[in-house]
């Protein structure tokens, strides 16, 4: 197995399993399982006889089910602190950081994809949309690297603030969301330019 994407998928699944063991969250596991089956069912409908929930193509996209399921985990397992500006997740650092950063990345991707779909077919959207879908669905290296970077930034921020890593604020999620939107916009732009130059 020399494909770096497969190594990243294996690493992401490993992080998820460790996070589940630490948080003991059956809800997160069942939510991710349900989304995985839904993605597999959609794949079967789109390509009957070719794709299934166990196809490598579906397993290749853990961000489709692990990260969105983390949003529900974060919402249900977090409570507001007395200062009202921060929330604390009832779990150790790893699952909290994984859920926080997964939420920011998922929301950022959904938002920019929605904006691109709403603008279609104006401007460069016919070229940008494939790049965004490629980034979201077929680039596990980007997803893992970006999420690890955000987790490190979140952890450093909490260390500086002298707060536990399972504490977060809405502003922190918003800042991460803007950072992810910027990163994927840059990626989509350069990918679009590269495609245009190749086809020129």
N, C-alpha and C. Protein backbone atom coordinates (compact mmCIF):
# COMPACT_ATOMS: atom_id res chain seq x y z
N UNK A 1 0.86 -1.20 0.00
CA UNK A 1 0.00 0.00 0.00
C UNK A 1 0.89 1.24 0.00
N UNK A 2 1.19 1.77 -1.17
CA UNK A 2 2.09 2.91 -1.28
C UNK A 2 1.34 4.21 -1.54
N UNK A 3 0.05 4.15 -1.80
CA UNK A 3 -0.73 5.35 -2.06
C UNK A 3 -0.86 6.17 -0.77
N UNK A 4 -0.36 7.43 -0.76
CA UNK A 4 -0.45 8.24 0.47
C UNK A 4 -1.89 8.48 0.91
N UNK A 5 -2.82 8.51 -0.05
CA UNK A 5 -4.23 8.70 0.30
C UNK A 5 -4.74 7.55 1.17
N UNK A 6 -4.32 6.32 0.84
CA UNK A 6 -4.76 5.17 1.63
C UNK A 6 -4.17 5.20 3.03
N UNK A 7 -2.92 5.65 3.14
CA UNK A 7 -2.31 5.80 4.46
C UNK A 7 -3.07 6.84 5.29
N UNK A 8 -3.47 7.93 4.63
CA UNK A 8 -4.21 8.98 5.33
C UNK A 8 -5.57 8.49 5.78
N UNK A 9 -6.24 7.69 4.93
CA UNK A 9 -7.53 7.12 5.31
C UNK A 9 -7.38 6.21 6.52
N UNK A 10 -6.33 5.37 6.49
CA UNK A 10 -6.07 4.47 7.62
C UNK A 10 -5.80 5.27 8.90
N UNK A 11 -5.02 6.35 8.77
CA UNK A 11 -4.72 7.20 9.93
C UNK A 11 -5.98 7.87 10.45
N UNK A 12 -6.84 8.32 9.53
CA UNK A 12 -8.08 9.01 9.93
C UNK A 12 -9.02 8.05 10.65
N UNK A 13 -9.16 6.84 10.13
CA UNK A 13 -9.99 5.84 10.79
C UNK A 13 -9.43 5.50 12.17
N UNK A 14 -8.10 5.42 12.26
CA UNK A 14 -7.48 5.11 13.55
C UNK A 14 -7.76 6.20 14.58
N UNK A 15 -7.64 7.47 14.14
CA UNK A 15 -7.96 8.58 15.04
C UNK A 15 -9.41 8.52 15.49
N UNK A 16 -10.29 8.19 14.56
CA UNK A 16 -11.71 8.11 14.88
C UNK A 16 -11.98 7.00 15.90
N UNK A 17 -11.37 5.84 15.71
CA UNK A 17 -11.57 4.73 16.64
C UNK A 17 -11.06 5.09 18.03
N UNK A 18 -9.88 5.72 18.08
CA UNK A 18 -9.33 6.15 19.38
C UNK A 18 -10.25 7.18 20.04
N UNK A 19 -10.77 8.12 19.22
CA UNK A 19 -11.68 9.14 19.75
C UNK A 19 -12.96 8.50 20.30
N UNK A 20 -13.46 7.49 19.60
CA UNK A 20 -14.66 6.79 20.08
C UNK A 20 -14.38 6.07 21.39
N UNK A 21 -13.23 5.45 21.49
CA UNK A 21 -12.88 4.73 22.72
C UNK A 21 -12.73 5.69 23.88
N UNK A 22 -12.14 6.85 23.63
CA UNK A 22 -11.94 7.83 24.70
C UNK A 22 -13.25 8.50 25.13
N UNK A 23 -14.08 8.80 24.14
CA UNK A 23 -15.33 9.51 24.45
C UNK A 23 -16.46 8.56 24.85
N UNK A 24 -16.31 7.28 24.47
CA UNK A 24 -17.35 6.27 24.72
C UNK A 24 -18.70 6.73 24.17
N UNK A 25 -18.65 7.30 22.98
CA UNK A 25 -19.85 7.86 22.37
C UNK A 25 -20.43 6.88 21.35
N UNK A 26 -21.47 6.19 21.76
CA UNK A 26 -22.18 5.31 20.83
C UNK A 26 -22.91 6.13 19.77
N UNK A 27 -23.34 7.33 20.15
CA UNK A 27 -24.07 8.21 19.22
C UNK A 27 -23.20 8.58 18.02
N UNK A 28 -21.95 8.96 18.27
CA UNK A 28 -21.04 9.34 17.19
C UNK A 28 -20.82 8.15 16.24
N UNK A 29 -20.62 6.98 16.83
CA UNK A 29 -20.39 5.78 16.02
C UNK A 29 -21.61 5.45 15.17
N UNK A 30 -22.81 5.47 15.79
CA UNK A 30 -24.03 5.14 15.05
C UNK A 30 -24.35 6.19 13.99
N UNK A 31 -24.08 7.45 14.29
CA UNK A 31 -24.31 8.52 13.31
C UNK A 31 -23.39 8.36 12.11
N UNK A 32 -22.12 8.07 12.37
CA UNK A 32 -21.17 7.86 11.27
C UNK A 32 -21.55 6.63 10.45
N UNK A 33 -21.97 5.57 11.15
CA UNK A 33 -22.39 4.34 10.45
C UNK A 33 -23.61 4.61 9.56
N UNK A 34 -24.56 5.38 10.08
CA UNK A 34 -25.77 5.70 9.31
C UNK A 34 -25.42 6.52 8.06
N UNK A 35 -24.54 7.51 8.21
CA UNK A 35 -24.14 8.33 7.07
C UNK A 35 -23.35 7.50 6.05
N UNK A 36 -22.54 6.58 6.54
CA UNK A 36 -21.78 5.70 5.63
C UNK A 36 -22.73 4.84 4.81
N UNK A 37 -23.75 4.26 5.48
CA UNK A 37 -24.73 3.44 4.77
C UNK A 37 -25.54 4.28 3.79
N UNK A 38 -25.84 5.53 4.18
CA UNK A 38 -26.58 6.42 3.27
C UNK A 38 -25.73 6.74 2.04
N UNK A 39 -24.44 7.03 2.26
CA UNK A 39 -23.55 7.30 1.13
C UNK A 39 -23.42 6.07 0.25
N UNK A 40 -23.35 4.89 0.88
CA UNK A 40 -23.28 3.65 0.10
C UNK A 40 -24.55 3.39 -0.68
N UNK A 41 -25.69 3.69 -0.05
CA UNK A 41 -26.97 3.51 -0.75
C UNK A 41 -27.09 4.44 -1.94
N UNK A 42 -26.63 5.68 -1.79
CA UNK A 42 -26.64 6.62 -2.90
C UNK A 42 -25.72 6.15 -4.02
N UNK A 43 -24.57 5.61 -3.64
CA UNK A 43 -23.63 5.10 -4.64
C UNK A 43 -24.22 3.93 -5.41
N UNK A 44 -24.94 3.05 -4.69
CA UNK A 44 -25.59 1.91 -5.36
C UNK A 44 -26.65 2.41 -6.33
N UNK A 45 -27.36 3.45 -5.93
CA UNK A 45 -28.41 4.01 -6.80
C UNK A 45 -27.81 4.67 -8.04
N UNK A 46 -26.67 5.36 -7.85
CA UNK A 46 -26.04 6.06 -8.97
C UNK A 46 -25.30 5.10 -9.90
N UNK A 47 -24.69 4.06 -9.33
CA UNK A 47 -23.91 3.12 -10.14
C UNK A 47 -24.20 1.69 -9.70
N UNK A 48 -25.40 1.19 -9.99
CA UNK A 48 -25.75 -0.18 -9.55
C UNK A 48 -24.83 -1.22 -10.17
N UNK A 49 -24.39 -2.15 -9.33
CA UNK A 49 -23.50 -3.20 -9.80
C UNK A 49 -22.04 -2.80 -9.86
N UNK A 50 -21.79 -1.51 -9.67
CA UNK A 50 -20.41 -1.01 -9.72
C UNK A 50 -19.93 -0.59 -8.34
N UNK A 51 -20.79 0.14 -7.61
CA UNK A 51 -20.43 0.63 -6.28
C UNK A 51 -21.32 0.00 -5.23
N UNK A 52 -20.79 -0.07 -4.01
CA UNK A 52 -21.55 -0.55 -2.86
C UNK A 52 -20.98 0.15 -1.63
N UNK A 53 -21.65 0.04 -0.46
CA UNK A 53 -21.09 0.67 0.74
C UNK A 53 -19.68 0.20 1.08
N UNK A 54 -19.31 -1.00 0.61
CA UNK A 54 -17.98 -1.54 0.91
C UNK A 54 -16.97 -1.28 -0.20
N UNK A 55 -17.38 -0.54 -1.22
CA UNK A 55 -16.45 -0.21 -2.30
C UNK A 55 -15.35 0.71 -1.78
N UNK A 56 -14.17 0.56 -2.32
CA UNK A 56 -13.05 1.39 -1.92
C UNK A 56 -13.36 2.86 -2.14
N UNK A 57 -14.15 3.15 -3.17
CA UNK A 57 -14.51 4.54 -3.46
C UNK A 57 -15.27 5.19 -2.31
N UNK A 58 -16.12 4.40 -1.63
CA UNK A 58 -16.88 4.93 -0.50
C UNK A 58 -16.01 5.00 0.75
N UNK A 59 -15.23 3.95 0.98
CA UNK A 59 -14.32 3.96 2.13
C UNK A 59 -13.26 5.03 1.99
N UNK A 60 -13.04 5.49 0.75
CA UNK A 60 -12.05 6.50 0.43
C UNK A 60 -12.46 7.89 0.94
N UNK A 61 -13.72 8.02 1.39
CA UNK A 61 -14.26 9.34 1.75
C UNK A 61 -14.78 9.37 3.19
N UNK A 62 -13.93 9.13 4.19
CA UNK A 62 -14.42 9.12 5.57
C UNK A 62 -14.95 10.48 6.02
N UNK A 63 -14.53 11.56 5.33
CA UNK A 63 -15.02 12.89 5.68
C UNK A 63 -16.51 13.05 5.40
N UNK A 64 -17.08 12.13 4.60
CA UNK A 64 -18.51 12.18 4.31
C UNK A 64 -19.36 11.72 5.49
N UNK A 65 -18.78 10.92 6.37
CA UNK A 65 -19.60 10.40 7.46
C UNK A 65 -19.01 10.63 8.85
N UNK A 66 -17.69 10.62 8.99
CA UNK A 66 -17.10 10.81 10.32
C UNK A 66 -17.22 12.26 10.78
N UNK A 67 -16.81 13.20 9.92
CA UNK A 67 -16.84 14.62 10.30
C UNK A 67 -18.26 15.16 10.52
N UNK A 68 -19.22 14.92 9.60
CA UNK A 68 -20.58 15.40 9.88
C UNK A 68 -21.20 14.79 11.13
N UNK A 69 -20.91 13.51 11.38
CA UNK A 69 -21.43 12.88 12.60
C UNK A 69 -20.83 13.54 13.83
N UNK A 70 -19.59 14.04 13.71
CA UNK A 70 -18.96 14.74 14.82
C UNK A 70 -19.67 16.03 15.19
N UNK A 71 -20.37 16.63 14.21
CA UNK A 71 -21.14 17.85 14.50
C UNK A 71 -22.25 17.55 15.51
N UNK A 72 -22.93 16.43 15.33
CA UNK A 72 -24.00 16.03 16.25
C UNK A 72 -23.41 15.72 17.63
N UNK A 73 -22.28 15.02 17.64
CA UNK A 73 -21.60 14.71 18.90
C UNK A 73 -21.24 15.99 19.64
N UNK A 74 -20.68 16.97 18.92
CA UNK A 74 -20.26 18.23 19.54
C UNK A 74 -21.46 18.99 20.09
N UNK A 75 -22.55 18.98 19.35
CA UNK A 75 -23.76 19.71 19.78
C UNK A 75 -24.36 19.09 21.04
N UNK A 76 -24.41 17.77 21.10
CA UNK A 76 -25.09 17.10 22.21
C UNK A 76 -24.21 16.92 23.44
N UNK A 77 -22.89 16.90 23.24
CA UNK A 77 -22.00 16.63 24.37
C UNK A 77 -21.34 17.89 24.93
N UNK A 78 -21.72 19.06 24.43
CA UNK A 78 -21.10 20.30 24.90
C UNK A 78 -22.09 21.12 25.71
N UNK A 79 -21.57 21.82 26.70
CA UNK A 79 -22.41 22.68 27.53
C UNK A 79 -21.75 24.05 27.66
N UNK A 80 -22.57 25.05 27.82
CA UNK A 80 -22.08 26.42 27.92
C UNK A 80 -21.42 26.64 29.29
N UNK A 81 -20.31 27.37 29.29
CA UNK A 81 -19.62 27.71 30.53
C UNK A 81 -20.21 29.00 31.10
N UNK A 82 -19.92 29.32 32.35
CA UNK A 82 -20.51 30.50 32.99
C UNK A 82 -20.28 31.81 32.24
N UNK A 83 -19.15 31.92 31.51
CA UNK A 83 -18.90 33.18 30.80
C UNK A 83 -19.74 33.33 29.54
N UNK A 84 -20.48 32.28 29.18
CA UNK A 84 -21.41 32.28 28.04
C UNK A 84 -20.74 32.35 26.67
N UNK A 85 -19.45 32.63 26.63
CA UNK A 85 -18.76 32.74 25.33
C UNK A 85 -18.01 31.46 24.97
N UNK A 86 -17.87 30.56 25.94
CA UNK A 86 -17.17 29.31 25.71
C UNK A 86 -18.07 28.12 26.04
N UNK A 87 -17.74 27.01 25.40
CA UNK A 87 -18.45 25.76 25.64
C UNK A 87 -17.43 24.67 25.95
N UNK A 88 -17.85 23.68 26.69
CA UNK A 88 -16.96 22.57 27.04
C UNK A 88 -17.60 21.25 26.67
N UNK A 89 -16.82 20.42 25.96
CA UNK A 89 -17.30 19.11 25.55
C UNK A 89 -16.96 18.08 26.61
N UNK A 90 -17.92 17.26 26.98
CA UNK A 90 -17.72 16.27 28.04
C UNK A 90 -16.98 15.05 27.50
N UNK A 91 -15.68 15.23 27.25
CA UNK A 91 -14.84 14.14 26.76
C UNK A 91 -13.39 14.59 26.81
N UNK A 92 -12.44 13.67 26.62
CA UNK A 92 -11.02 14.05 26.60
C UNK A 92 -10.69 14.94 25.39
N UNK A 93 -9.42 15.32 25.30
CA UNK A 93 -8.98 16.30 24.30
C UNK A 93 -9.13 15.81 22.87
N UNK A 94 -8.69 14.57 22.57
CA UNK A 94 -8.69 14.11 21.18
C UNK A 94 -10.07 14.10 20.54
N UNK A 95 -11.07 13.45 21.14
CA UNK A 95 -12.39 13.49 20.50
C UNK A 95 -12.97 14.89 20.40
N UNK A 96 -12.68 15.74 21.40
CA UNK A 96 -13.18 17.11 21.35
C UNK A 96 -12.57 17.87 20.17
N UNK A 97 -11.25 17.77 20.02
CA UNK A 97 -10.57 18.47 18.93
C UNK A 97 -10.98 17.91 17.57
N UNK A 98 -11.14 16.59 17.49
CA UNK A 98 -11.54 15.97 16.23
C UNK A 98 -12.94 16.45 15.83
N UNK A 99 -13.85 16.54 16.80
CA UNK A 99 -15.21 16.99 16.51
C UNK A 99 -15.25 18.48 16.19
N UNK A 100 -14.48 19.28 16.93
CA UNK A 100 -14.46 20.72 16.68
C UNK A 100 -13.94 21.05 15.28
N UNK A 101 -12.80 20.49 14.93
CA UNK A 101 -12.20 20.78 13.63
C UNK A 101 -13.00 20.16 12.49
N UNK A 102 -13.55 18.96 12.72
CA UNK A 102 -14.40 18.34 11.71
C UNK A 102 -15.64 19.17 11.43
N UNK A 103 -16.20 19.77 12.48
CA UNK A 103 -17.36 20.64 12.31
C UNK A 103 -17.00 21.87 11.48
N UNK A 104 -15.88 22.51 11.79
CA UNK A 104 -15.46 23.70 11.04
C UNK A 104 -15.22 23.36 9.58
N UNK A 105 -14.54 22.25 9.31
CA UNK A 105 -14.23 21.88 7.93
C UNK A 105 -15.48 21.49 7.15
N UNK A 106 -16.37 20.75 7.79
CA UNK A 106 -17.61 20.34 7.12
C UNK A 106 -18.46 21.55 6.76
N UNK A 107 -18.63 22.47 7.71
CA UNK A 107 -19.43 23.66 7.45
C UNK A 107 -18.81 24.51 6.35
N UNK A 108 -17.48 24.62 6.36
CA UNK A 108 -16.80 25.42 5.33
C UNK A 108 -17.01 24.82 3.95
N UNK A 109 -16.88 23.51 3.83
CA UNK A 109 -17.07 22.86 2.54
C UNK A 109 -18.51 22.96 2.07
N UNK A 110 -19.45 22.74 2.96
CA UNK A 110 -20.86 22.86 2.57
C UNK A 110 -21.18 24.27 2.12
N UNK A 111 -20.64 25.26 2.83
CA UNK A 111 -20.95 26.66 2.51
C UNK A 111 -20.43 27.05 1.13
N UNK A 112 -19.17 26.74 0.86
CA UNK A 112 -18.61 27.15 -0.42
C UNK A 112 -19.20 26.34 -1.58
N UNK A 113 -19.53 25.07 -1.34
CA UNK A 113 -20.20 24.29 -2.38
C UNK A 113 -21.59 24.85 -2.66
N UNK A 114 -22.30 25.26 -1.62
CA UNK A 114 -23.63 25.86 -1.79
C UNK A 114 -23.54 27.15 -2.60
N UNK A 115 -22.55 27.99 -2.27
CA UNK A 115 -22.38 29.25 -3.00
C UNK A 115 -22.05 28.99 -4.47
N UNK A 116 -21.21 27.98 -4.70
CA UNK A 116 -20.85 27.65 -6.08
C UNK A 116 -22.05 27.12 -6.85
N UNK A 117 -22.88 26.28 -6.22
CA UNK A 117 -24.06 25.75 -6.88
C UNK A 117 -25.08 26.85 -7.16
N UNK A 118 -25.22 27.79 -6.22
CA UNK A 118 -26.17 28.88 -6.41
C UNK A 118 -25.73 29.81 -7.54
N UNK A 119 -24.42 29.92 -7.76
CA UNK A 119 -23.90 30.80 -8.81
C UNK A 119 -23.81 30.12 -10.16
N UNK A 120 -23.96 28.79 -10.18
CA UNK A 120 -23.82 28.04 -11.43
C UNK A 120 -24.91 28.44 -12.42
N UNK A 121 -24.63 28.63 -13.72
CA UNK A 121 -23.33 28.42 -14.40
C UNK A 121 -22.57 29.71 -14.68
N UNK A 122 -22.73 30.72 -13.80
CA UNK A 122 -22.09 32.00 -14.03
C UNK A 122 -20.59 31.93 -13.76
N UNK A 123 -19.85 32.79 -14.45
CA UNK A 123 -18.42 32.94 -14.20
C UNK A 123 -17.63 31.66 -14.38
N UNK A 124 -16.77 31.39 -13.40
CA UNK A 124 -15.90 30.22 -13.46
C UNK A 124 -16.49 29.00 -12.75
N UNK A 125 -17.74 29.09 -12.29
CA UNK A 125 -18.29 27.99 -11.50
C UNK A 125 -18.30 26.65 -12.25
N UNK A 126 -18.52 26.61 -13.58
CA UNK A 126 -18.44 25.30 -14.24
C UNK A 126 -17.08 24.63 -14.12
N UNK A 127 -16.03 25.45 -13.97
CA UNK A 127 -14.68 24.90 -13.80
C UNK A 127 -14.33 24.70 -12.32
N UNK A 128 -14.86 25.58 -11.46
CA UNK A 128 -14.50 25.54 -10.04
C UNK A 128 -15.21 24.39 -9.32
N UNK A 129 -16.48 24.13 -9.68
CA UNK A 129 -17.23 23.07 -8.99
C UNK A 129 -16.54 21.71 -9.04
N UNK A 130 -16.06 21.26 -10.21
CA UNK A 130 -15.34 19.97 -10.21
C UNK A 130 -14.12 19.97 -9.31
N UNK A 131 -13.41 21.11 -9.23
CA UNK A 131 -12.24 21.19 -8.36
C UNK A 131 -12.63 21.09 -6.90
N UNK A 132 -13.74 21.74 -6.54
CA UNK A 132 -14.21 21.69 -5.15
C UNK A 132 -14.68 20.28 -4.78
N UNK A 133 -15.40 19.64 -5.68
CA UNK A 133 -15.85 18.27 -5.42
C UNK A 133 -14.68 17.30 -5.34
N UNK A 134 -13.68 17.52 -6.19
CA UNK A 134 -12.47 16.70 -6.13
C UNK A 134 -11.77 16.87 -4.79
N UNK A 135 -11.70 18.12 -4.33
CA UNK A 135 -11.06 18.41 -3.05
C UNK A 135 -11.81 17.76 -1.90
N UNK A 136 -13.14 17.85 -1.94
CA UNK A 136 -13.95 17.34 -0.83
C UNK A 136 -14.03 15.82 -0.80
N UNK A 137 -14.10 15.21 -1.98
CA UNK A 137 -14.36 13.77 -2.05
C UNK A 137 -13.13 12.91 -2.28
N UNK A 138 -12.14 13.43 -2.97
CA UNK A 138 -11.06 12.56 -3.46
C UNK A 138 -9.66 12.97 -2.99
N UNK A 139 -9.58 13.80 -1.97
CA UNK A 139 -8.27 14.25 -1.49
C UNK A 139 -8.14 14.02 0.02
N UNK A 140 -8.05 12.77 0.45
CA UNK A 140 -7.92 12.50 1.89
C UNK A 140 -6.66 13.12 2.50
N UNK A 141 -5.59 13.25 1.70
CA UNK A 141 -4.36 13.85 2.22
C UNK A 141 -4.63 15.28 2.65
N UNK A 142 -5.34 16.03 1.79
CA UNK A 142 -5.68 17.42 2.15
C UNK A 142 -6.53 17.44 3.41
N UNK A 143 -7.57 16.59 3.45
CA UNK A 143 -8.49 16.63 4.58
C UNK A 143 -7.78 16.34 5.89
N UNK A 144 -6.97 15.28 5.92
CA UNK A 144 -6.27 14.92 7.15
C UNK A 144 -5.25 15.99 7.54
N UNK A 145 -4.48 16.48 6.56
CA UNK A 145 -3.46 17.49 6.85
C UNK A 145 -4.10 18.77 7.39
N UNK A 146 -5.19 19.20 6.75
CA UNK A 146 -5.87 20.41 7.19
C UNK A 146 -6.47 20.25 8.57
N UNK A 147 -7.05 19.08 8.81
CA UNK A 147 -7.67 18.86 10.12
C UNK A 147 -6.61 18.75 11.22
N UNK A 148 -5.47 18.11 10.92
CA UNK A 148 -4.39 18.03 11.90
C UNK A 148 -3.83 19.42 12.22
N UNK A 149 -3.74 20.25 11.17
CA UNK A 149 -3.26 21.63 11.37
C UNK A 149 -4.22 22.40 12.27
N UNK A 150 -5.51 22.28 12.01
CA UNK A 150 -6.50 22.97 12.84
C UNK A 150 -6.49 22.45 14.28
N UNK A 151 -6.34 21.14 14.44
CA UNK A 151 -6.28 20.58 15.79
C UNK A 151 -5.08 21.13 16.55
N UNK A 152 -3.95 21.25 15.87
CA UNK A 152 -2.75 21.80 16.51
C UNK A 152 -2.95 23.27 16.89
N UNK A 153 -3.59 24.04 16.01
CA UNK A 153 -3.86 25.46 16.28
C UNK A 153 -4.83 25.59 17.45
N UNK A 154 -5.88 24.78 17.46
CA UNK A 154 -6.85 24.82 18.56
C UNK A 154 -6.18 24.47 19.88
N UNK A 155 -5.35 23.43 19.86
CA UNK A 155 -4.67 23.00 21.08
C UNK A 155 -3.73 24.08 21.58
N UNK A 156 -2.97 24.69 20.67
CA UNK A 156 -2.06 25.78 21.05
C UNK A 156 -2.83 26.96 21.62
N UNK A 157 -3.94 27.28 21.02
CA UNK A 157 -4.77 28.38 21.51
C UNK A 157 -5.25 28.13 22.92
N UNK A 158 -5.66 26.90 23.19
CA UNK A 158 -6.11 26.57 24.54
C UNK A 158 -4.97 26.58 25.55
N UNK A 159 -3.77 26.15 25.09
CA UNK A 159 -2.60 26.19 25.97
C UNK A 159 -2.27 27.62 26.35
N UNK A 160 -2.31 28.52 25.37
CA UNK A 160 -2.03 29.93 25.62
C UNK A 160 -3.08 30.52 26.55
N UNK A 161 -4.33 30.12 26.36
CA UNK A 161 -5.44 30.62 27.19
C UNK A 161 -5.51 29.92 28.54
N UNK A 162 -4.66 28.90 28.72
CA UNK A 162 -4.64 28.11 29.96
C UNK A 162 -6.01 27.49 30.24
N UNK A 163 -6.56 26.91 29.19
CA UNK A 163 -7.84 26.22 29.29
C UNK A 163 -7.66 24.80 28.76
N UNK A 164 -8.49 23.87 29.20
CA UNK A 164 -8.39 22.51 28.66
C UNK A 164 -8.77 22.47 27.18
N UNK A 165 -8.25 21.47 26.49
CA UNK A 165 -8.45 21.38 25.05
C UNK A 165 -9.88 21.09 24.65
N UNK A 166 -10.71 20.63 25.59
CA UNK A 166 -12.10 20.35 25.24
C UNK A 166 -13.00 21.57 25.38
N UNK A 167 -12.38 22.73 25.61
CA UNK A 167 -13.12 24.00 25.66
C UNK A 167 -12.99 24.68 24.29
N UNK A 168 -14.07 25.25 23.82
CA UNK A 168 -14.03 25.97 22.54
C UNK A 168 -15.05 27.10 22.57
N UNK A 169 -14.95 27.98 21.58
CA UNK A 169 -15.90 29.08 21.44
C UNK A 169 -16.44 29.08 20.02
N UNK A 170 -17.59 29.70 19.83
CA UNK A 170 -18.17 29.82 18.50
C UNK A 170 -17.24 30.64 17.61
N UNK A 171 -16.61 31.67 18.17
CA UNK A 171 -15.68 32.49 17.38
C UNK A 171 -14.50 31.65 16.90
N UNK A 172 -14.06 30.71 17.71
CA UNK A 172 -12.97 29.82 17.32
C UNK A 172 -13.37 28.96 16.12
N UNK A 173 -14.59 28.41 16.15
CA UNK A 173 -15.10 27.62 15.03
C UNK A 173 -15.23 28.50 13.79
N UNK A 174 -15.71 29.73 13.96
CA UNK A 174 -15.86 30.65 12.83
C UNK A 174 -14.50 30.99 12.20
N UNK A 175 -13.49 31.20 13.04
CA UNK A 175 -12.16 31.50 12.52
C UNK A 175 -11.60 30.34 11.72
N UNK A 176 -11.79 29.13 12.24
CA UNK A 176 -11.34 27.94 11.51
C UNK A 176 -12.10 27.79 10.20
N UNK A 177 -13.40 28.09 10.23
CA UNK A 177 -14.22 28.00 9.02
C UNK A 177 -13.69 28.94 7.94
N UNK A 178 -13.35 30.16 8.33
CA UNK A 178 -12.82 31.13 7.36
C UNK A 178 -11.46 30.67 6.81
N UNK A 179 -10.63 30.09 7.68
CA UNK A 179 -9.33 29.59 7.24
C UNK A 179 -9.49 28.47 6.23
N UNK A 180 -10.42 27.57 6.47
CA UNK A 180 -10.66 26.45 5.55
C UNK A 180 -11.23 26.96 4.23
N UNK A 181 -12.15 27.92 4.29
CA UNK A 181 -12.70 28.49 3.06
C UNK A 181 -11.60 29.13 2.23
N UNK A 182 -10.70 29.84 2.88
CA UNK A 182 -9.58 30.45 2.16
C UNK A 182 -8.71 29.39 1.51
N UNK A 183 -8.39 28.33 2.27
CA UNK A 183 -7.51 27.28 1.75
C UNK A 183 -8.14 26.56 0.56
N UNK A 184 -9.42 26.24 0.66
CA UNK A 184 -10.04 25.51 -0.44
C UNK A 184 -10.30 26.42 -1.65
N UNK A 185 -10.48 27.71 -1.41
CA UNK A 185 -10.63 28.65 -2.53
C UNK A 185 -9.32 28.77 -3.31
N UNK A 186 -8.23 28.84 -2.58
CA UNK A 186 -6.91 28.89 -3.23
C UNK A 186 -6.68 27.61 -4.02
N UNK A 187 -7.00 26.46 -3.41
CA UNK A 187 -6.83 25.18 -4.10
C UNK A 187 -7.67 25.13 -5.37
N UNK A 188 -8.94 25.50 -5.25
CA UNK A 188 -9.84 25.44 -6.40
C UNK A 188 -9.38 26.38 -7.51
N UNK A 189 -8.89 27.55 -7.14
CA UNK A 189 -8.42 28.52 -8.14
C UNK A 189 -7.24 27.97 -8.91
N UNK A 190 -6.22 27.49 -8.19
CA UNK A 190 -5.02 26.99 -8.87
C UNK A 190 -5.32 25.71 -9.65
N UNK A 191 -6.22 24.87 -9.13
CA UNK A 191 -6.59 23.66 -9.86
C UNK A 191 -7.33 24.02 -11.15
N UNK A 192 -8.17 25.04 -11.06
CA UNK A 192 -8.91 25.49 -12.24
C UNK A 192 -7.97 26.07 -13.29
N UNK A 193 -7.01 26.88 -12.83
CA UNK A 193 -6.03 27.44 -13.74
C UNK A 193 -5.19 26.34 -14.39
N UNK A 194 -4.78 25.37 -13.58
CA UNK A 194 -3.99 24.26 -14.10
C UNK A 194 -4.77 23.48 -15.17
N UNK A 195 -6.05 23.21 -14.90
CA UNK A 195 -6.89 22.50 -15.87
C UNK A 195 -7.06 23.30 -17.14
N UNK A 196 -7.23 24.63 -17.00
CA UNK A 196 -7.41 25.48 -18.17
C UNK A 196 -6.15 25.49 -19.03
N UNK A 197 -4.98 25.50 -18.39
CA UNK A 197 -3.73 25.51 -19.14
C UNK A 197 -3.51 24.20 -19.88
N UNK A 198 -3.92 23.10 -19.24
CA UNK A 198 -3.76 21.79 -19.88
C UNK A 198 -4.67 21.67 -21.09
N UNK A 199 -5.89 22.18 -20.97
CA UNK A 199 -6.84 22.05 -22.07
C UNK A 199 -6.70 23.14 -23.12
N UNK A 200 -5.86 24.13 -22.84
CA UNK A 200 -5.70 25.26 -23.76
C UNK A 200 -4.96 24.84 -25.04
